[in-house]
């Protein structure tokens, strides 16, 4: 990541979008700055180095991929079954429509 640029006339650094601010002690630093990063059960916690308060907890990246791997095949099977049922229903409806049209035309032509 890029470091803050000094673009103000007074020489103060311009804060980046990815800056975290501590609500207790007003400490601020980029996300990849001096925050204490603690690995917990299902998340990663960002802790202020000055006062020790937890600023945010973010899910671990490997859990997101595990969740997608579990949901992905199930969702694919659901889509496959739903699509198959829709195609089957459409073919049955088409078959009945064709049969109805066929029966309406031919019985009157053969009977006299």
PDB file of N, CA and C in Angstrom:
ATOM      1  N   UNK A   1       0.841  -1.178   0.000  1.00  0.00           N
ATOM      2  CA  UNK A   1       0.000   0.000   0.000  1.00  0.00           C
ATOM      3  C   UNK A   1       0.883   1.237   0.000  1.00  0.00           C
ATOM      4  N   UNK A   2       0.344   2.303  -0.490  1.00  0.00           N
ATOM      5  CA  UNK A   2       1.101   3.544  -0.534  1.00  0.00           C
ATOM      6  C   UNK A   2       0.981   4.269   0.794  1.00  0.00           C
ATOM      7  N   UNK A   3       1.980   4.997   1.118  1.00  0.00           N
ATOM      8  CA  UNK A   3       1.988   5.781   2.354  1.00  0.00           C
ATOM      9  C   UNK A   3       1.301   7.122   2.115  1.00  0.00           C
ATOM     10  N   UNK A   4       0.827   7.774   3.179  1.00  0.00           N
ATOM     11  CA  UNK A   4       0.148   9.062   3.014  1.00  0.00           C
ATOM     12  C   UNK A   4       1.052  10.100   2.356  1.00  0.00           C
ATOM     13  N   UNK A   5       0.474  10.866   1.477  1.00  0.00           N
ATOM     14  CA  UNK A   5       1.227  11.931   0.803  1.00  0.00           C
ATOM     15  C   UNK A   5       1.031  13.245   1.554  1.00  0.00           C
ATOM     16  N   UNK A   6       2.030  14.096   1.528  1.00  0.00           N
ATOM     17  CA  UNK A   6       1.913  15.403   2.167  1.00  0.00           C
ATOM     18  C   UNK A   6       1.491  16.400   1.107  1.00  0.00           C
ATOM     19  N   UNK A   7       0.190  16.554   0.906  1.00  0.00           N
ATOM     20  CA  UNK A   7      -0.310  17.440  -0.134  1.00  0.00           C
ATOM     21  C   UNK A   7      -0.916  18.712   0.440  1.00  0.00           C
ATOM     22  N   UNK A   8      -1.131  18.757   1.737  1.00  0.00           N
ATOM     23  CA  UNK A   8      -1.666  19.979   2.326  1.00  0.00           C
ATOM     24  C   UNK A   8      -0.597  21.068   2.352  1.00  0.00           C
ATOM     25  N   UNK A   9      -1.039  22.322   2.359  1.00  0.00           N
ATOM     26  CA  UNK A   9      -0.095  23.441   2.398  1.00  0.00           C
ATOM     27  C   UNK A   9       0.685  23.480   3.707  1.00  0.00           C
ATOM     28  N   UNK A  10       0.043  22.991   4.795  1.00  0.00           N
ATOM     29  CA  UNK A  10       0.716  23.037   6.099  1.00  0.00           C
ATOM     30  C   UNK A  10       1.618  21.824   6.334  1.00  0.00           C
ATOM     31  N   UNK A  11       1.690  20.898   5.357  1.00  0.00           N
ATOM     32  CA  UNK A  11       2.571  19.748   5.484  1.00  0.00           C
ATOM     33  C   UNK A  11       1.948  18.571   6.223  1.00  0.00           C
ATOM     34  N   UNK A  12       0.669  18.686   6.630  1.00  0.00           N
ATOM     35  CA  UNK A  12       0.010  17.583   7.337  1.00  0.00           C
ATOM     36  C   UNK A  12      -0.298  16.464   6.350  1.00  0.00           C
ATOM     37  N   UNK A  13      -0.119  15.217   6.761  1.00  0.00           N
ATOM     38  CA  UNK A  13      -0.386  14.110   5.832  1.00  0.00           C
ATOM     39  C   UNK A  13      -1.881  13.970   5.551  1.00  0.00           C
ATOM     40  N   UNK A  14      -2.187  13.593   4.323  1.00  0.00           N
ATOM     41  CA  UNK A  14      -3.562  13.355   3.921  1.00  0.00           C
ATOM     42  C   UNK A  14      -3.938  11.931   4.329  1.00  0.00           C
ATOM     43  N   UNK A  15      -5.021  11.738   5.096  1.00  0.00           N
ATOM     44  CA  UNK A  15      -5.374  10.380   5.500  1.00  0.00           C
ATOM     45  C   UNK A  15      -5.864   9.548   4.314  1.00  0.00           C
ATOM     46  N   UNK A  16      -5.455   8.290   4.291  1.00  0.00           N
ATOM     47  CA  UNK A  16      -5.873   7.384   3.236  1.00  0.00           C
ATOM     48  C   UNK A  16      -7.248   6.823   3.551  1.00  0.00           C
ATOM     49  N   UNK A  17      -7.888   6.220   2.543  1.00  0.00           N
ATOM     50  CA  UNK A  17      -9.182   5.591   2.761  1.00  0.00           C
ATOM     51  C   UNK A  17      -9.070   4.431   3.735  1.00  0.00           C
ATOM     52  N   UNK A  18      -8.015   3.673   3.657  1.00  0.00           N
ATOM     53  CA  UNK A  18      -7.841   2.490   4.485  1.00  0.00           C
ATOM     54  C   UNK A  18      -7.141   2.837   5.796  1.00  0.00           C
ATOM     55  N   UNK A  19      -7.628   3.849   6.482  1.00  0.00           N
ATOM     56  CA  UNK A  19      -7.075   4.265   7.762  1.00  0.00           C
ATOM     57  C   UNK A  19      -8.041   3.886   8.859  1.00  0.00           C
ATOM     58  N   UNK A  20      -7.516   3.269   9.918  1.00  0.00           N
ATOM     59  CA  UNK A  20      -8.328   2.940  11.091  1.00  0.00           C
ATOM     60  C   UNK A  20      -8.095   3.998  12.161  1.00  0.00           C
ATOM     61  N   UNK A  21      -9.163   4.299  12.894  1.00  0.00           N
ATOM     62  CA  UNK A  21      -9.097   5.284  13.964  1.00  0.00           C
ATOM     63  C   UNK A  21      -9.576   4.644  15.253  1.00  0.00           C
ATOM     64  N   UNK A  22      -8.815   4.804  16.330  1.00  0.00           N
ATOM     65  CA  UNK A  22      -9.219   4.283  17.631  1.00  0.00           C
ATOM     66  C   UNK A  22     -10.206   5.256  18.258  1.00  0.00           C
ATOM     67  N   UNK A  23     -11.337   4.751  18.707  1.00  0.00           N
ATOM     68  CA  UNK A  23     -12.371   5.618  19.289  1.00  0.00           C
ATOM     69  C   UNK A  23     -12.065   6.014  20.731  1.00  0.00           C
ATOM     70  N   UNK A  24     -11.103   5.344  21.354  1.00  0.00           N
ATOM     71  CA  UNK A  24     -10.768   5.650  22.744  1.00  0.00           C
ATOM     72  C   UNK A  24      -9.648   6.683  22.865  1.00  0.00           C
ATOM     73  N   UNK A  25      -8.574   6.480  22.109  1.00  0.00           N
ATOM     74  CA  UNK A  25      -7.405   7.342  22.294  1.00  0.00           C
ATOM     75  C   UNK A  25      -7.054   8.175  21.068  1.00  0.00           C
ATOM     76  N   UNK A  26      -7.878   8.129  20.024  1.00  0.00           N
ATOM     77  CA  UNK A  26      -7.674   8.897  18.793  1.00  0.00           C
ATOM     78  C   UNK A  26      -6.405   8.523  18.024  1.00  0.00           C
ATOM     79  N   UNK A  27      -5.875   7.341  18.272  1.00  0.00           N
ATOM     80  CA  UNK A  27      -4.736   6.853  17.494  1.00  0.00           C
ATOM     81  C   UNK A  27      -5.235   6.523  16.087  1.00  0.00           C
ATOM     82  N   UNK A  28      -4.461   6.849  15.071  1.00  0.00           N
ATOM     83  CA  UNK A  28      -4.837   6.520  13.689  1.00  0.00           C
ATOM     84  C   UNK A  28      -3.618   5.986  12.953  1.00  0.00           C
ATOM     85  N   UNK A  29      -3.893   5.034  12.058  1.00  0.00           N
ATOM     86  CA  UNK A  29      -2.826   4.421  11.284  1.00  0.00           C
ATOM     87  C   UNK A  29      -3.466   3.658  10.129  1.00  0.00           C
ATOM     88  N   UNK A  30      -2.739   3.447   9.039  1.00  0.00           N
ATOM     89  CA  UNK A  30      -3.282   2.629   7.943  1.00  0.00           C
ATOM     90  C   UNK A  30      -3.589   1.216   8.439  1.00  0.00           C
ATOM     91  N   UNK A  31      -4.394   0.506   7.687  1.00  0.00           N
ATOM     92  CA  UNK A  31      -4.771  -0.860   8.071  1.00  0.00           C
ATOM     93  C   UNK A  31      -3.531  -1.729   8.242  1.00  0.00           C
ATOM     94  N   UNK A  32      -2.547  -1.540   7.376  1.00  0.00           N
ATOM     95  CA  UNK A  32      -1.320  -2.325   7.479  1.00  0.00           C
ATOM     96  C   UNK A  32      -0.260  -1.615   8.319  1.00  0.00           C
ATOM     97  N   UNK A  33      -0.689  -0.670   9.146  1.00  0.00           N
ATOM     98  CA  UNK A  33       0.230   0.115   9.974  1.00  0.00           C
ATOM     99  C   UNK A  33       0.644  -0.610  11.242  1.00  0.00           C
ATOM    100  N   UNK A  34       0.637   0.132  12.361  1.00  0.00           N
ATOM    101  CA  UNK A  34       1.178  -0.399  13.616  1.00  0.00           C
ATOM    102  C   UNK A  34       0.144  -1.078  14.513  1.00  0.00           C
ATOM    103  N   UNK A  35      -1.011  -1.440  13.986  1.00  0.00           N
ATOM    104  CA  UNK A  35      -2.038  -2.124  14.775  1.00  0.00           C
ATOM    105  C   UNK A  35      -1.565  -3.514  15.186  1.00  0.00           C
ATOM    106  N   UNK A  36      -1.999  -3.957  16.343  1.00  0.00           N
ATOM    107  CA  UNK A  36      -1.683  -5.309  16.798  1.00  0.00           C
ATOM    108  C   UNK A  36      -2.738  -6.230  16.196  1.00  0.00           C
ATOM    109  N   UNK A  37      -2.298  -7.179  15.397  1.00  0.00           N
ATOM    110  CA  UNK A  37      -3.213  -8.105  14.725  1.00  0.00           C
ATOM    111  C   UNK A  37      -3.196  -9.416  15.500  1.00  0.00           C
ATOM    112  N   UNK A  38      -4.369  -9.783  16.056  1.00  0.00           N
ATOM    113  CA  UNK A  38      -4.483 -11.007  16.854  1.00  0.00           C
ATOM    114  C   UNK A  38      -5.353 -12.017  16.120  1.00  0.00           C
ATOM    115  N   UNK A  39      -4.847 -13.218  15.976  1.00  0.00           N
ATOM    116  CA  UNK A  39      -5.608 -14.286  15.339  1.00  0.00           C
ATOM    117  C   UNK A  39      -6.465 -14.943  16.409  1.00  0.00           C
ATOM    118  N   UNK A  40      -7.775 -14.977  16.175  1.00  0.00           N
ATOM    119  CA  UNK A  40      -8.710 -15.584  17.125  1.00  0.00           C
ATOM    120  C   UNK A  40      -9.404 -16.764  16.468  1.00  0.00           C
ATOM    121  N   UNK A  41     -10.414 -17.341  17.136  1.00  0.00           N
ATOM    122  CA  UNK A  41     -11.072 -18.558  16.644  1.00  0.00           C
ATOM    123  C   UNK A  41     -11.468 -18.453  15.176  1.00  0.00           C
ATOM    124  N   UNK A  42     -12.382 -17.567  14.873  1.00  0.00           N
ATOM    125  CA  UNK A  42     -12.899 -17.447  13.512  1.00  0.00           C
ATOM    126  C   UNK A  42     -12.591 -16.104  12.862  1.00  0.00           C
ATOM    127  N   UNK A  43     -11.796 -15.293  13.512  1.00  0.00           N
ATOM    128  CA  UNK A  43     -11.569 -13.950  12.982  1.00  0.00           C
ATOM    129  C   UNK A  43     -10.159 -13.480  13.287  1.00  0.00           C
ATOM    130  N   UNK A  44      -9.858 -12.330  12.727  1.00  0.00           N
ATOM    131  CA  UNK A  44      -8.617 -11.619  13.005  1.00  0.00           C
ATOM    132  C   UNK A  44      -9.021 -10.291  13.620  1.00  0.00           C
ATOM    133  N   UNK A  45      -8.463  -9.972  14.785  1.00  0.00           N
ATOM    134  CA  UNK A  45      -8.823  -8.749  15.492  1.00  0.00           C
ATOM    135  C   UNK A  45      -7.712  -7.718  15.336  1.00  0.00           C
ATOM    136  N   UNK A  46      -8.117  -6.466  15.116  1.00  0.00           N
ATOM    137  CA  UNK A  46      -7.180  -5.342  15.050  1.00  0.00           C
ATOM    138  C   UNK A  46      -7.294  -4.589  16.367  1.00  0.00           C
ATOM    139  N   UNK A  47      -6.176  -4.522  17.107  1.00  0.00           N
ATOM    140  CA  UNK A  47      -6.149  -3.949  18.447  1.00  0.00           C
ATOM    141  C   UNK A  47      -5.245  -2.724  18.441  1.00  0.00           C
ATOM    142  N   UNK A  48      -5.680  -1.679  19.153  1.00  0.00           N
ATOM    143  CA  UNK A  48      -4.903  -0.441  19.241  1.00  0.00           C
ATOM    144  C   UNK A  48      -3.619  -0.695  20.035  1.00  0.00           C
ATOM    145  N   UNK A  49      -2.461  -0.260  19.518  1.00  0.00           N
ATOM    146  CA  UNK A  49      -1.212  -0.479  20.242  1.00  0.00           C
ATOM    147  C   UNK A  49      -1.066   0.438  21.452  1.00  0.00           C
ATOM    148  N   UNK A  50      -1.826   1.538  21.504  1.00  0.00           N
ATOM    149  CA  UNK A  50      -1.707   2.481  22.615  1.00  0.00           C
ATOM    150  C   UNK A  50      -2.593   2.105  23.802  1.00  0.00           C
ATOM    151  N   UNK A  51      -3.897   1.874  23.550  1.00  0.00           N
ATOM    152  CA  UNK A  51      -4.824   1.643  24.667  1.00  0.00           C
ATOM    153  C   UNK A  51      -5.316   0.201  24.771  1.00  0.00           C
ATOM    154  N   UNK A  52      -5.086  -0.636  23.753  1.00  0.00           N
ATOM    155  CA  UNK A  52      -5.444  -2.046  23.820  1.00  0.00           C
ATOM    156  C   UNK A  52      -6.885  -2.386  23.480  1.00  0.00           C
ATOM    157  N   UNK A  53      -7.674  -1.417  22.999  1.00  0.00           N
ATOM    158  CA  UNK A  53      -9.061  -1.695  22.645  1.00  0.00           C
ATOM    159  C   UNK A  53      -9.116  -2.372  21.271  1.00  0.00           C
ATOM    160  N   UNK A  54     -10.064  -3.306  21.112  1.00  0.00           N
ATOM    161  CA  UNK A  54     -10.248  -3.975  19.823  1.00  0.00           C
ATOM    162  C   UNK A  54     -11.062  -3.071  18.917  1.00  0.00           C
ATOM    163  N   UNK A  55     -10.486  -2.706  17.770  1.00  0.00           N
ATOM    164  CA  UNK A  55     -11.163  -1.819  16.828  1.00  0.00           C
ATOM    165  C   UNK A  55     -12.152  -2.568  15.956  1.00  0.00           C
ATOM    166  N   UNK A  56     -11.710  -3.664  15.382  1.00  0.00           N
ATOM    167  CA  UNK A  56     -12.557  -4.413  14.462  1.00  0.00           C
ATOM    168  C   UNK A  56     -12.141  -5.869  14.451  1.00  0.00           C
ATOM    169  N   UNK A  57     -13.094  -6.707  14.080  1.00  0.00           N
ATOM    170  CA  UNK A  57     -12.825  -8.137  13.894  1.00  0.00           C
ATOM    171  C   UNK A  57     -13.238  -8.480  12.479  1.00  0.00           C
ATOM    172  N   UNK A  58     -12.364  -9.131  11.767  1.00  0.00           N
ATOM    173  CA  UNK A  58     -12.650  -9.501  10.382  1.00  0.00           C
ATOM    174  C   UNK A  58     -12.514 -11.007  10.234  1.00  0.00           C
ATOM    175  N   UNK A  59     -13.409 -11.633   9.447  1.00  0.00           N
ATOM    176  CA  UNK A  59     -13.314 -13.087   9.283  1.00  0.00           C
ATOM    177  C   UNK A  59     -12.021 -13.477   8.587  1.00  0.00           C
ATOM    178  N   UNK A  60     -11.536 -14.638   8.941  1.00  0.00           N
ATOM    179  CA  UNK A  60     -10.330 -15.136   8.290  1.00  0.00           C
ATOM    180  C   UNK A  60     -10.629 -15.445   6.830  1.00  0.00           C
ATOM    181  N   UNK A  61      -9.668 -15.256   5.978  1.00  0.00           N
ATOM    182  CA  UNK A  61      -9.886 -15.462   4.545  1.00  0.00           C
ATOM    183  C   UNK A  61     -10.129 -16.925   4.208  1.00  0.00           C
ATOM    184  N   UNK A  62      -9.506 -17.872   4.921  1.00  0.00           N
ATOM    185  CA  UNK A  62      -9.692 -19.286   4.593  1.00  0.00           C
ATOM    186  C   UNK A  62     -11.089 -19.774   4.968  1.00  0.00           C
ATOM    187  N   UNK A  63     -11.753 -19.155   5.950  1.00  0.00           N
ATOM    188  CA  UNK A  63     -13.117 -19.557   6.302  1.00  0.00           C
ATOM    189  C   UNK A  63     -14.099 -19.144   5.221  1.00  0.00           C
ATOM    190  N   UNK A  64     -13.870 -18.031   4.590  1.00  0.00           N
ATOM    191  CA  UNK A  64     -14.753 -17.608   3.497  1.00  0.00           C
ATOM    192  C   UNK A  64     -14.711 -18.624   2.361  1.00  0.00           C
ATOM    193  N   UNK A  65     -13.510 -19.108   2.022  1.00  0.00           N
ATOM    194  CA  UNK A  65     -13.408 -20.079   0.931  1.00  0.00           C
ATOM    195  C   UNK A  65     -14.021 -21.410   1.340  1.00  0.00           C
ATOM    196  N   UNK A  66     -13.893 -21.808   2.622  1.00  0.00           N
ATOM    197  CA  UNK A  66     -14.523 -23.041   3.091  1.00  0.00           C
ATOM    198  C   UNK A  66     -16.036 -22.942   2.987  1.00  0.00           C
ATOM    199  N   UNK A  67     -16.592 -21.807   3.364  1.00  0.00           N
ATOM    200  CA  UNK A  67     -18.036 -21.597   3.313  1.00  0.00           C
ATOM    201  C   UNK A  67     -18.514 -21.646   1.866  1.00  0.00           C
ATOM    202  N   UNK A  68     -17.760 -21.041   0.939  1.00  0.00           N
ATOM    203  CA  UNK A  68     -18.118 -21.073  -0.472  1.00  0.00           C
ATOM    204  C   UNK A  68     -18.042 -22.487  -1.018  1.00  0.00           C
ATOM    205  N   UNK A  69     -17.043 -23.261  -0.582  1.00  0.00           N
ATOM    206  CA  UNK A  69     -16.902 -24.630  -1.065  1.00  0.00           C
ATOM    207  C   UNK A  69     -18.076 -25.487  -0.612  1.00  0.00           C
ATOM    208  N   UNK A  70     -18.594 -25.232   0.588  1.00  0.00           N
ATOM    209  CA  UNK A  70     -19.736 -25.993   1.084  1.00  0.00           C
ATOM    210  C   UNK A  70     -21.012 -25.583   0.379  1.00  0.00           C
ATOM    211  N   UNK A  71     -21.204 -24.308   0.182  1.00  0.00           N
ATOM    212  CA  UNK A  71     -22.431 -23.804  -0.419  1.00  0.00           C
ATOM    213  C   UNK A  71     -22.426 -24.007  -1.934  1.00  0.00           C
ATOM    214  N   UNK A  72     -21.291 -23.922  -2.569  1.00  0.00           N
ATOM    215  CA  UNK A  72     -21.188 -24.003  -4.020  1.00  0.00           C
ATOM    216  C   UNK A  72     -21.802 -25.249  -4.633  1.00  0.00           C
ATOM    217  N   UNK A  73     -21.382 -26.462  -4.231  1.00  0.00           N
ATOM    218  CA  UNK A  73     -21.954 -27.665  -4.840  1.00  0.00           C
ATOM    219  C   UNK A  73     -23.439 -27.840  -4.547  1.00  0.00           C
ATOM    220  N   UNK A  74     -23.864 -27.473  -3.351  1.00  0.00           N
ATOM    221  CA  UNK A  74     -25.281 -27.592  -3.005  1.00  0.00           C
ATOM    222  C   UNK A  74     -26.113 -26.677  -3.891  1.00  0.00           C
ATOM    223  N   UNK A  75     -25.653 -25.457  -4.054  1.00  0.00           N
ATOM    224  CA  UNK A  75     -26.371 -24.511  -4.912  1.00  0.00           C
ATOM    225  C   UNK A  75     -26.368 -24.982  -6.363  1.00  0.00           C
ATOM    226  N   UNK A  76     -25.281 -25.568  -6.817  1.00  0.00           N
ATOM    227  CA  UNK A  76     -25.219 -26.079  -8.190  1.00  0.00           C
ATOM    228  C   UNK A  76     -26.207 -27.222  -8.395  1.00  0.00           C
ATOM    229  N   UNK A  77     -26.306 -28.123  -7.413  1.00  0.00           N
ATOM    230  CA  UNK A  77     -27.282 -29.221  -7.523  1.00  0.00           C
ATOM    231  C   UNK A  77     -28.707 -28.693  -7.524  1.00  0.00           C
ATOM    232  N   UNK A  78     -28.983 -27.718  -6.690  1.00  0.00           N
ATOM    233  CA  UNK A  78     -30.333 -27.125  -6.671  1.00  0.00           C
ATOM    234  C   UNK A  78     -30.685 -26.526  -8.023  1.00  0.00           C
ATOM    235  N   UNK A  79     -29.742 -25.774  -8.602  1.00  0.00           N
ATOM    236  CA  UNK A  79     -29.992 -25.188  -9.920  1.00  0.00           C
ATOM    237  C   UNK A  79     -30.207 -26.261 -10.969  1.00  0.00           C
ATOM    238  N   UNK A  80     -29.414 -27.342 -10.914  1.00  0.00           N
ATOM    239  CA  UNK A  80     -29.550 -28.427 -11.885  1.00  0.00           C
ATOM    240  C   UNK A  80     -30.908 -29.094 -11.775  1.00  0.00           C
ATOM    241  N   UNK A  81     -31.327 -29.391 -10.560  1.00  0.00           N
ATOM    242  CA  UNK A  81     -32.624 -30.050 -10.362  1.00  0.00           C
ATOM    243  C   UNK A  81     -33.760 -29.124 -10.776  1.00  0.00           C
ATOM    244  N   UNK A  82     -33.671 -27.854 -10.391  1.00  0.00           N
ATOM    245  CA  UNK A  82     -34.721 -26.890 -10.750  1.00  0.00           C
ATOM    246  C   UNK A  82     -34.817 -26.730 -12.269  1.00  0.00           C
ATOM    247  N   UNK A  83     -33.684 -26.643 -12.940  1.00  0.00           N
ATOM    248  CA  UNK A  83     -33.679 -26.500 -14.399  1.00  0.00           C
ATOM    249  C   UNK A  83     -34.227 -27.754 -15.070  1.00  0.00           C
ATOM    250  N   UNK A  84     -33.830 -28.926 -14.570  1.00  0.00           N
ATOM    251  CA  UNK A  84     -34.341 -30.176 -15.136  1.00  0.00           C
ATOM    252  C   UNK A  84     -35.852 -30.276 -14.982  1.00  0.00           C
ATOM    253  N   UNK A  85     -36.358 -29.916 -13.811  1.00  0.00           N
ATOM    254  CA  UNK A  85     -37.807 -29.961 -13.582  1.00  0.00           C
ATOM    255  C   UNK A  85     -38.536 -28.974 -14.491  1.00  0.00           C
ATOM    256  N   UNK A  86     -37.959 -27.797 -14.700  1.00  0.00           N
ATOM    257  CA  UNK A  86     -38.578 -26.804 -15.572  1.00  0.00           C
ATOM    258  C   UNK A  86     -38.616 -27.296 -17.018  1.00  0.00           C
ATOM    259  N   UNK A  87     -37.534 -27.882 -17.478  1.00  0.00           N
ATOM    260  CA  UNK A  87     -37.495 -28.409 -18.853  1.00  0.00           C
ATOM    261  C   UNK A  87     -38.481 -29.561 -18.996  1.00  0.00           C
ATOM    262  N   UNK A  88     -38.538 -30.459 -18.016  1.00  0.00           N
ATOM    263  CA  UNK A  88     -39.480 -31.581 -18.062  1.00  0.00           C
ATOM    264  C   UNK A  88     -40.919 -31.083 -18.110  1.00  0.00           C
ATOM    265  N   UNK A  89     -41.226 -30.095 -17.237  1.00  0.00           N
ATOM    266  CA  UNK A  89     -42.580 -29.537 -17.204  1.00  0.00           C
ATOM    267  C   UNK A  89     -42.940 -28.900 -18.540  1.00  0.00           C
ATOM    268  N   UNK A  90     -41.996 -28.183 -19.137  1.00  0.00           N
ATOM    269  CA  UNK A  90     -42.257 -27.549 -20.435  1.00  0.00           C
ATOM    270  C   UNK A  90     -42.481 -28.595 -21.517  1.00  0.00           C
ATOM    271  N   UNK A  91     -41.723 -29.685 -21.500  1.00  0.00           N
ATOM    272  CA  UNK A  91     -41.912 -30.721 -22.523  1.00  0.00           C
ATOM    273  C   UNK A  91     -43.240 -31.448 -22.333  1.00  0.00           C
ATOM    274  N   UNK A  92     -43.666 -31.659 -21.087  1.00  0.00           N
ATOM    275  CA  UNK A  92     -44.967 -32.278 -20.841  1.00  0.00           C
ATOM    276  C   UNK A  92     -46.090 -31.350 -21.308  1.00  0.00           C
ATOM    277  N   UNK A  93     -45.979 -30.068 -20.983  1.00  0.00           N
ATOM    278  CA  UNK A  93     -46.985 -29.096 -21.430  1.00  0.00           C
ATOM    279  C   UNK A  93     -47.052 -29.051 -22.952  1.00  0.00           C
ATOM    280  N   UNK A  94     -45.916 -29.067 -23.604  1.00  0.00           N
ATOM    281  CA  UNK A  94     -45.876 -29.056 -25.065  1.00  0.00           C
ATOM    282  C   UNK A  94     -46.499 -30.331 -25.635  1.00  0.00           C
ATOM    283  N   UNK A  95     -46.220 -31.458 -24.974  1.00  0.00           N
ATOM    284  CA  UNK A  95     -46.809 -32.721 -25.416  1.00  0.00           C
ATOM    285  C   UNK A  95     -48.327 -32.709 -25.312  1.00  0.00           C
ATOM    286  N   UNK A  96     -48.854 -32.204 -24.199  1.00  0.00           N
ATOM    287  CA  UNK A  96     -50.312 -32.123 -24.033  1.00  0.00           C
ATOM    288  C   UNK A  96     -50.938 -31.152 -25.028  1.00  0.00           C
ATOM    289  N   UNK A  97     -50.257 -30.050 -25.278  1.00  0.00           N
ATOM    290  CA  UNK A  97     -50.764 -29.076 -26.240  1.00  0.00           C
ATOM    291  C   UNK A  97     -50.812 -29.688 -27.636  1.00  0.00           C
ATOM    292  N   UNK A  98     -49.765 -30.385 -27.998  1.00  0.00           N
ATOM    293  CA  UNK A  98     -49.731 -31.031 -29.321  1.00  0.00           C
ATOM    294  C   UNK A  98     -50.797 -32.111 -29.423  1.00  0.00           C
ATOM    295  N   UNK A  99     -50.981 -32.897 -28.370  1.00  0.00           N
ATOM    296  CA  UNK A  99     -51.991 -33.949 -28.373  1.00  0.00           C
ATOM    297  C   UNK A  99     -53.394 -33.370 -28.482  1.00  0.00           C
ATOM    298  N   UNK A 100     -53.649 -32.286 -27.745  1.00  0.00           N
ATOM    299  CA  UNK A 100     -54.948 -31.626 -27.813  1.00  0.00           C
ATOM    300  C   UNK A 100     -55.211 -31.091 -29.206  1.00  0.00           C
ATOM    301  N   UNK A 101     -54.233 -30.477 -29.828  1.00  0.00           N
ATOM    302  CA  UNK A 101     -54.385 -29.948 -31.184  1.00  0.00           C
ATOM    303  C   UNK A 101     -54.609 -31.082 -32.175  1.00  0.00           C
ATOM    304  N   UNK A 102     -53.928 -32.185 -31.994  1.00  0.00           N
ATOM    305  CA  UNK A 102     -54.072 -33.327 -32.886  1.00  0.00           C
ATOM    306  C   UNK A 102     -55.466 -33.953 -32.761  1.00  0.00           C
ATOM    307  N   UNK A 103     -55.955 -34.075 -31.541  1.00  0.00           N
ATOM    308  CA  UNK A 103     -57.271 -34.684 -31.327  1.00  0.00           C
ATOM    309  C   UNK A 103     -58.403 -33.795 -31.821  1.00  0.00           C
ATOM    310  N   UNK A 104     -58.232 -32.517 -31.825  1.00  0.00           N
ATOM    311  CA  UNK A 104     -59.278 -31.605 -32.297  1.00  0.00           C
ATOM    312  C   UNK A 104     -59.410 -31.642 -33.814  1.00  0.00           C
ATOM    313  N   UNK A 105     -58.354 -31.883 -34.528  1.00  0.00           N
ATOM    314  CA  UNK A 105     -58.385 -31.833 -35.977  1.00  0.00           C
ATOM    315  C   UNK A 105     -58.840 -33.170 -36.578  1.00  0.00           C
ATOM    316  N   UNK A 106     -58.298 -34.295 -36.121  1.00  0.00           N
ATOM    317  CA  UNK A 106     -58.500 -35.572 -36.768  1.00  0.00           C
ATOM    318  C   UNK A 106     -59.832 -36.278 -36.452  1.00  0.00           C
ATOM    319  N   UNK A 107     -60.436 -36.210 -35.282  1.00  0.00           N
ATOM    320  CA  UNK A 107     -61.680 -36.945 -35.070  1.00  0.00           C
ATOM    321  C   UNK A 107     -62.801 -36.477 -35.992  1.00  0.00           C
ATOM    322  N   UNK A 108     -62.882 -35.243 -36.280  1.00  0.00           N
ATOM    323  CA  UNK A 108     -63.951 -34.758 -37.155  1.00  0.00           C
ATOM    324  C   UNK A 108     -63.684 -35.098 -38.610  1.00  0.00           C
ATOM    325  N   UNK A 109     -62.427 -35.242 -38.994  1.00  0.00           N
ATOM    326  CA  UNK A 109     -62.104 -35.552 -40.389  1.00  0.00           C
ATOM    327  C   UNK A 109     -62.413 -37.005 -40.718  1.00  0.00           C
ATOM    328  N   UNK A 110     -62.246 -37.929 -39.742  1.00  0.00           N
ATOM    329  CA  UNK A 110     -62.479 -39.339 -40.028  1.00  0.00           C
ATOM    330  C   UNK A 110     -63.915 -39.793 -39.789  1.00  0.00           C
ATOM    331  N   UNK A 111     -64.730 -39.033 -39.110  1.00  0.00           N
ATOM    332  CA  UNK A 111     -66.100 -39.445 -38.777  1.00  0.00           C
ATOM    333  C   UNK A 111     -67.065 -38.771 -39.729  1.00  0.00           C
ATOM    334  N   UNK A 112     -67.976 -39.587 -40.401  1.00  0.00           N
ATOM    335  CA  UNK A 112     -69.009 -39.046 -41.294  1.00  0.00           C
ATOM    336  C   UNK A 112     -70.254 -39.816 -41.139  1.00  0.00           C
TER     337      UNK A 112
END
